[in-house]
Protein backbone atom coordinates (compact mmCIF):
# COMPACT_ATOMS: atom_id res chain seq x y z
CA MET A 1 20.16 -31.40 24.99
CA ARG A 2 23.90 -32.09 25.53
CA GLN A 3 25.86 -29.92 28.45
CA GLY A 4 27.50 -27.08 27.15
CA ASN A 5 25.07 -26.05 24.33
CA PRO A 6 24.72 -22.56 23.82
CA PRO A 7 21.20 -20.81 24.70
CA ASP A 8 20.53 -20.07 21.30
CA ILE A 9 21.05 -23.90 20.21
CA PHE A 10 17.96 -24.64 22.82
CA VAL A 11 15.51 -22.29 22.01
CA VAL A 12 16.31 -23.23 18.20
CA SER A 13 15.93 -27.12 19.22
CA VAL A 14 12.74 -26.26 21.22
CA ALA A 15 11.52 -24.19 18.38
CA ARG A 16 11.47 -26.98 15.96
CA SER A 17 9.85 -29.65 18.52
CA LEU A 18 7.34 -27.35 18.72
CA ALA A 19 6.69 -27.19 15.17
CA THR A 20 5.75 -30.39 15.21
CA ARG A 21 2.95 -30.12 17.23
CA PRO A 22 -0.09 -29.60 16.32
CA LEU A 23 -1.59 -26.00 17.90
CA PRO A 24 -4.89 -25.47 18.36
CA LYS A 25 -6.95 -22.27 16.92
CA VAL A 26 -6.73 -18.72 18.46
CA ASN A 27 -8.83 -16.15 18.88
CA LEU A 28 -5.86 -13.76 17.75
CA VAL A 29 -8.09 -10.34 18.91
CA GLY A 30 -6.55 -10.34 22.51
CA LEU A 31 -3.95 -12.27 22.30
CA GLN A 32 -0.44 -11.95 23.34
CA CYS A 33 2.57 -13.46 21.78
CA PHE A 34 6.38 -13.05 23.23
CA SER A 35 9.00 -13.68 20.84
CA PRO A 36 12.64 -14.98 22.20
CA PRO A 37 14.76 -12.22 23.54
CA GLY A 38 16.73 -9.97 20.72
CA ALA A 39 13.92 -11.41 18.37
CA SER A 40 12.51 -9.37 15.63
CA PRO A 41 8.83 -8.89 16.88
CA SER A 42 7.96 -9.53 13.30
CA VAL A 43 8.88 -13.13 14.40
CA CYS A 44 6.02 -13.15 16.27
CA ALA A 45 3.70 -11.49 14.35
CA ASN A 46 4.03 -13.87 11.89
CA SER A 47 4.09 -16.78 14.12
CA MET A 48 0.74 -15.74 14.46
CA LYS A 49 -0.36 -15.07 11.25
CA THR A 50 1.14 -18.48 10.15
CA ARG A 51 -1.33 -20.65 11.99
CA ASN A 52 -4.01 -23.71 11.06
CA GLY A 53 -4.01 -22.09 7.78
CA ASP A 54 -6.61 -19.65 8.63
CA PRO A 55 -5.99 -17.45 11.40
CA MET A 56 -7.75 -15.08 11.84
CA ALA A 57 -10.95 -17.85 11.54
CA ASN A 58 -12.14 -17.01 15.13
CA THR A 59 -12.29 -13.89 15.21
CA LYS A 60 -15.45 -12.32 13.66
CA ILE A 61 -15.95 -8.74 12.40
CA ALA A 62 -19.32 -6.42 11.45
CA LEU A 63 -18.56 -3.91 8.89
CA LEU A 64 -20.93 -1.02 8.76
CA GLY A 65 -20.78 0.78 5.78
CA THR A 66 -19.73 -0.57 2.59
CA GLY A 67 -19.47 3.00 0.67
CA LEU A 68 -16.14 4.23 -1.53
CA MET A 69 -13.72 3.11 1.38
CA GLY A 70 -15.68 0.45 3.49
CA ALA A 71 -16.37 -2.07 0.56
CA PRO A 72 -12.26 -2.12 -0.53
CA MET A 73 -11.85 -2.50 3.47
CA ALA A 74 -14.05 -5.01 3.64
CA ARG A 75 -12.61 -6.60 0.84
CA ASN A 76 -9.03 -6.71 3.12
CA LEU A 77 -10.66 -8.31 5.91
CA ARG A 78 -11.63 -10.92 4.16
CA LYS A 79 -8.40 -11.35 2.26
CA ALA A 80 -7.03 -11.39 6.21
CA GLY A 81 -9.02 -13.90 7.00
CA PHE A 82 -11.66 -12.62 8.97
CA ASP A 83 -15.09 -13.97 9.73
CA LEU A 84 -16.98 -10.46 8.58
CA SER A 85 -20.41 -9.69 8.23
CA VAL A 86 -21.60 -6.80 6.50
CA TRP A 87 -24.40 -4.03 6.25
CA ASN A 88 -25.52 -0.81 4.67
CA ARG A 89 -28.25 1.42 4.50
CA SER A 90 -28.25 0.74 0.90
CA ARG A 91 -27.86 -3.12 0.68
CA ALA A 92 -27.24 -2.95 -3.08
CA LYS A 93 -23.86 -1.46 -2.41
CA ALA A 94 -23.24 -4.24 0.57
CA GLU A 95 -23.98 -7.23 -1.63
CA PRO A 96 -20.57 -7.76 -4.07
CA LEU A 97 -19.26 -8.48 -1.04
CA ALA A 98 -21.11 -11.70 -0.61
CA ASP A 99 -18.60 -12.93 -3.68
CA HIS A 100 -15.89 -12.40 -0.87
CA GLY A 101 -17.38 -14.46 1.34
CA ALA A 102 -18.31 -11.71 3.44
CA THR A 103 -22.54 -12.47 5.35
CA VAL A 104 -24.52 -9.38 4.10
CA HIS A 105 -27.33 -8.19 6.65
CA ASP A 106 -30.45 -6.53 6.40
CA THR A 107 -30.58 -4.59 9.41
CA VAL A 108 -27.37 -3.37 12.35
CA ALA A 109 -28.62 -5.61 14.96
CA GLU A 110 -28.39 -8.95 12.62
CA ALA A 111 -25.16 -7.35 11.22
CA ILE A 112 -23.63 -7.32 14.91
CA ALA A 113 -24.80 -10.00 16.44
CA GLY A 114 -22.11 -12.15 17.92
CA ALA A 115 -19.41 -9.88 16.28
CA ASP A 116 -16.21 -9.67 18.57
CA VAL A 117 -15.12 -6.21 16.81
CA ILE A 118 -17.84 -4.02 15.14
CA ILE A 119 -16.45 -1.51 12.37
CA THR A 120 -18.51 1.68 11.72
CA MET A 121 -17.28 3.83 8.52
CA LEU A 122 -20.04 6.10 7.91
CA ALA A 123 -20.52 9.65 6.95
CA ASP A 124 -20.14 11.26 9.94
CA GLY A 125 -20.32 10.87 13.66
CA VAL A 126 -24.00 12.13 14.05
CA VAL A 127 -24.77 8.91 11.80
CA VAL A 128 -22.66 6.75 14.14
CA GLY A 129 -23.81 8.06 17.09
CA GLY A 130 -27.40 7.10 16.18
CA LEU A 131 -26.31 3.80 16.21
CA VAL A 132 -23.91 3.97 19.37
CA MET A 133 -26.76 5.30 21.42
CA ASP A 134 -29.81 2.81 20.44
CA GLU A 135 -30.80 0.70 22.77
CA ALA A 136 -31.79 -2.28 20.16
CA VAL A 137 -28.29 -2.01 18.59
CA THR A 138 -26.08 -2.26 22.12
CA SER A 139 -28.44 -4.58 23.64
CA ALA A 140 -27.53 -7.28 20.18
CA MET A 141 -23.54 -6.76 20.86
CA LYS A 142 -21.83 -9.53 22.18
CA ASP A 143 -20.48 -9.63 25.79
CA GLY A 144 -17.01 -7.24 25.72
CA ALA A 145 -17.07 -6.27 22.36
CA LEU A 146 -15.06 -3.68 20.95
CA TRP A 147 -16.72 -1.06 18.83
CA ILE A 148 -13.94 0.72 16.35
CA ASP A 149 -15.55 3.94 14.35
CA MET A 150 -13.08 4.54 11.84
CA SER A 151 -15.35 7.60 10.10
CA SER A 152 -14.08 11.13 9.89
CA ALA A 153 -16.22 12.81 12.93
CA LYS A 154 -15.63 15.45 15.99
CA PRO A 155 -13.55 14.36 18.83
CA GLU A 156 -16.31 15.47 21.09
CA GLU A 157 -18.25 12.70 19.70
CA ALA A 158 -15.75 10.19 19.50
CA ARG A 159 -15.55 10.78 23.30
CA ALA A 160 -19.27 10.78 23.76
CA GLN A 161 -19.46 7.31 21.97
CA SER A 162 -16.65 5.98 23.97
CA ALA A 163 -18.29 6.98 27.49
CA HIS A 164 -21.37 5.39 26.70
CA LEU A 165 -20.54 1.76 25.46
CA GLY A 166 -17.82 2.47 28.39
CA ALA A 167 -20.49 2.31 30.85
CA LEU A 168 -22.02 -0.45 29.16
CA GLY A 169 -19.25 -2.56 29.40
CA PHE A 170 -18.13 -1.70 25.63
CA ALA A 171 -14.69 -1.22 24.56
CA HIS A 172 -14.33 1.79 21.79
CA LEU A 173 -11.53 3.16 19.68
CA ASP A 174 -11.56 6.24 17.48
CA ALA A 175 -9.62 5.32 14.35
CA PRO A 176 -10.45 7.58 11.15
CA VAL A 177 -7.83 6.82 8.00
CA SER A 178 -6.19 8.82 5.64
CA GLY A 179 -5.00 7.36 1.95
CA GLY A 180 -8.10 7.38 0.11
CA THR A 181 -9.71 4.37 -2.09
CA LYS A 182 -6.30 4.03 -3.21
CA GLY A 183 -4.72 3.19 0.53
CA ALA A 184 -8.21 1.36 1.39
CA GLU A 185 -7.37 -0.51 -2.11
CA ALA A 186 -4.36 -1.37 -1.15
CA ALA A 187 -4.68 -2.12 2.28
CA SER A 188 -2.34 0.69 2.75
CA LEU A 189 -4.23 3.63 4.78
CA ALA A 190 -2.79 5.25 7.49
CA ILE A 191 -4.80 4.39 10.53
CA MET A 192 -4.57 7.38 13.47
CA VAL A 193 -6.10 5.67 16.89
CA GLY A 194 -7.54 7.09 19.89
CA GLY A 195 -8.60 5.23 23.14
CA ASP A 196 -7.24 2.55 25.61
CA ALA A 197 -3.99 1.32 24.92
CA ASP A 198 -5.37 -1.78 25.46
CA ALA A 199 -8.03 -1.60 23.22
CA PHE A 200 -5.64 -0.63 20.84
CA ALA A 201 -3.30 -3.36 21.19
CA ARG A 202 -6.55 -5.65 21.05
CA ALA A 203 -7.40 -4.42 18.21
CA LYS A 204 -4.00 -4.13 15.95
CA PRO A 205 -4.12 -7.44 13.90
CA VAL A 206 -7.74 -6.60 12.33
CA PHE A 207 -6.29 -2.51 11.47
CA GLU A 208 -3.39 -4.19 9.69
CA ALA A 209 -5.24 -5.74 7.69
CA MET A 210 -6.38 -2.72 6.31
CA GLY A 211 -3.04 -0.17 6.63
CA ARG A 212 -0.40 1.05 9.29
CA PRO A 213 -2.17 1.96 12.58
CA VAL A 214 -0.61 4.41 15.35
CA HIS A 215 -1.96 4.72 18.57
CA VAL A 216 -2.11 8.51 18.79
CA GLY A 217 -3.46 9.14 22.30
CA PRO A 218 -6.77 9.09 24.28
CA SER A 219 -10.11 8.59 22.86
CA GLY A 220 -11.00 11.57 20.76
CA ALA A 221 -7.39 11.95 19.98
CA GLY A 222 -7.59 9.98 16.51
CA GLN A 223 -10.39 12.25 14.87
CA LEU A 224 -7.90 14.98 16.28
CA SER A 225 -5.06 13.67 14.08
CA LYS A 226 -7.87 13.43 11.20
CA LEU A 227 -8.67 17.31 11.35
CA ALA A 228 -5.21 17.64 11.27
CA ASN A 229 -4.32 15.68 8.56
CA GLN A 230 -7.77 17.33 6.69
CA ALA A 231 -6.24 20.99 7.02
CA ILE A 232 -2.31 19.76 5.59
CA VAL A 233 -4.65 17.55 3.03
CA ALA A 234 -7.00 20.77 1.84
CA VAL A 235 -4.59 23.20 2.22
CA THR A 236 -1.87 21.53 -0.08
CA ILE A 237 -4.92 20.59 -2.49
CA ALA A 238 -5.14 24.45 -2.40
CA ALA A 239 -1.40 24.89 -3.45
CA VAL A 240 -1.15 22.21 -5.79
CA ALA A 241 -4.26 23.29 -7.67
CA GLU A 242 -2.48 26.81 -8.16
CA ALA A 243 0.77 25.45 -8.93
CA MET A 244 -0.88 23.59 -11.70
CA LEU A 245 -2.70 26.28 -12.95
CA LEU A 246 0.70 28.58 -13.32
CA VAL A 247 2.17 25.89 -15.13
CA LYS A 248 -0.44 25.40 -17.29
CA GLN A 249 -1.22 28.96 -18.00
CA GLY A 250 2.67 29.57 -18.64
CA GLY A 251 3.42 26.87 -21.36
CA ALA A 252 5.39 24.28 -18.94
CA ASP A 253 4.32 20.31 -19.33
CA ALA A 254 2.31 19.72 -15.99
CA ALA A 255 3.26 16.08 -16.47
CA ALA A 256 6.93 16.70 -16.62
CA VAL A 257 7.39 19.56 -13.91
CA ARG A 258 5.77 17.37 -11.21
CA ALA A 259 8.62 14.38 -12.80
CA ALA A 260 10.96 17.70 -11.80
CA LEU A 261 9.91 17.69 -8.63
CA LYS A 262 9.57 14.28 -7.41
CA GLY A 263 11.44 13.83 -4.56
CA GLY A 264 12.04 17.17 -3.53
CA PHE A 265 10.89 19.12 -0.86
CA ALA A 266 7.71 19.98 -2.30
CA ASP A 267 7.05 16.42 -3.47
CA SER A 268 3.81 15.04 -2.48
CA THR A 269 1.15 12.03 -2.97
CA ILE A 270 -1.01 15.36 -3.43
CA LEU A 271 1.21 16.97 -6.45
CA GLN A 272 1.34 13.57 -7.53
CA GLN A 273 -1.99 11.86 -7.51
CA HIS A 274 -4.11 15.31 -7.77
CA GLY A 275 -1.94 17.47 -9.79
CA GLU A 276 -2.33 14.47 -12.71
CA ARG A 277 -5.88 14.79 -12.08
CA MET A 278 -6.29 18.59 -12.25
CA THR A 279 -4.67 18.57 -15.88
CA GLU A 280 -6.42 15.64 -16.75
CA GLY A 281 -9.61 17.20 -15.72
CA ASN A 282 -10.54 13.87 -13.57
CA PHE A 283 -12.81 14.42 -10.74
CA GLU A 284 -14.29 11.02 -10.37
CA PRO A 285 -14.61 10.65 -6.53
CA GLY A 286 -11.65 9.38 -4.30
CA GLY A 287 -12.18 11.40 -1.65
CA LEU A 288 -15.38 12.98 -1.92
CA THR A 289 -15.52 17.15 -1.53
CA LYS A 290 -18.31 17.14 1.18
CA PHE A 291 -17.05 14.89 3.27
CA GLN A 292 -13.81 17.16 2.86
CA LEU A 293 -15.72 20.48 3.59
CA LYS A 294 -16.96 18.28 6.64
CA ASP A 295 -13.66 17.86 7.78
CA LEU A 296 -12.41 21.51 7.23
CA ASP A 297 -16.19 22.62 9.04
CA ASN A 298 -15.14 20.16 12.41
CA LEU A 299 -11.68 21.62 12.49
CA LEU A 300 -12.52 24.60 13.10
CA ASN A 301 -15.02 23.94 15.24
CA GLU A 302 -12.85 22.15 17.60
CA SER A 303 -9.98 25.06 17.36
CA GLY A 304 -12.85 27.38 17.58
CA GLN A 305 -13.23 25.56 21.39
CA LEU A 306 -9.73 25.70 21.76
CA GLY A 307 -9.57 29.55 21.43
CA LEU A 308 -7.38 29.21 18.22
CA THR A 309 -8.02 30.92 14.74
CA LEU A 310 -6.84 29.11 11.85
CA PRO A 311 -6.93 31.68 8.67
CA THR A 312 -5.64 29.40 5.96
CA ALA A 313 -7.36 26.60 6.80
CA GLN A 314 -10.83 29.26 6.80
CA MET A 315 -10.53 30.27 3.19
CA THR A 316 -9.55 26.92 2.01
CA ARG A 317 -12.68 25.94 3.34
CA ASP A 318 -15.00 28.91 2.06
CA ARG A 319 -13.47 28.01 -0.75
CA PHE A 320 -15.04 24.05 -0.71
CA ALA A 321 -18.06 25.26 0.25
CA GLU A 322 -18.19 27.55 -2.82
CA PHE A 323 -17.18 24.86 -5.22
CA SER A 324 -19.25 22.59 -3.19
CA ASN A 325 -22.22 24.14 -2.45
CA ASN A 326 -22.56 26.52 -5.55
CA MET A 327 -20.01 24.52 -8.71
CA GLY A 328 -21.91 21.25 -8.19
CA GLY A 329 -18.69 20.10 -7.09
CA ALA A 330 -19.66 17.90 -3.53
CA ASP A 331 -19.63 14.54 -4.89
CA LYS A 332 -16.66 15.54 -6.94
CA ASP A 333 -12.91 14.19 -5.84
CA HIS A 334 -11.78 17.54 -3.34
CA SER A 335 -8.57 17.78 -5.90
CA GLY A 336 -12.05 19.43 -7.99
CA LEU A 337 -11.65 22.84 -6.37
CA TYR A 338 -9.00 22.95 -9.19
CA LEU A 339 -12.35 23.47 -10.89
CA GLU A 340 -13.12 26.55 -8.50
CA LEU A 341 -9.75 27.84 -9.28
CA LEU A 342 -10.52 28.39 -12.75
CA ALA A 343 -13.78 29.70 -12.05
CA ARG A 344 -12.25 32.23 -10.08
CA ASN A 345 -9.87 33.38 -12.63
CA GLY A 346 -12.19 33.41 -15.29
CA LEU A 347 -11.26 30.18 -17.23
CA SER A 348 -13.07 26.83 -18.35
CA ALA A 349 -12.03 23.34 -17.69
């Protein structure tokens, strides 16, 4: 380089020189990347993602639970290039993932053997805790493995699981998600992560294959954030149901009303997506009612421990319980709360 060249030209020259050299394969989980001063963070991220054609090949992930949410999450992990093993209690639900390059296993221990990262997407914290506390499972874990629970659970369960795994030398993050099956398919899930900041940084490339992760605090904070999310979701579903019924009975065009409200203060994903479900009578599950009810029960349990009364959440929870337990709605989409509202008003679907 000639004397007098500006520093930025030197950086470009070095970058061009490095670009011609072969780079070794690296494990992106735990890798730190440093961008040149003033460069966008995406420069570093994109550089990491484009090396060697298969950038995630050295990071092995095990995903446990391939149901409505877990299956599309698994497909997106494979699209990102991760070496993926999967397990599901019912093997038939996991087998289609073999066509996407995942290895399907019959036992949890087989699936997690050698995995750098273990992801659970199961029914609740009790089910996840049964695995975390099982010595046959933890003894199969790779030294230094990271366990990420993306199920919806109680904050206290997340903290207990983190403490147990930490005592065994493993890291843990609670990282529940929002966005439903559409978000899981589109890799656009909102991911609320509680736990150690270094563990979050280590897991970020994994999370980004599935959505938008945000570190919200210490262990349990991810689950606490999910409870707040579910309170908003449940109450908004109830409000949208009332609005759609009012519009229908008043003789307005429900689709036109939703279009008119789009972009306004009352607009939301729930209004646009679930409002359409309600007026069309489509309650095929995206988010199951029984899981919405479970989350509201967890919310009220947590608020009770904090000495709080949440009257709107309590009333909405009771309506979901009626729909789930007494109207056959447990396995319907949670937008089916509209059917409970119809019944209250003596109307049929």
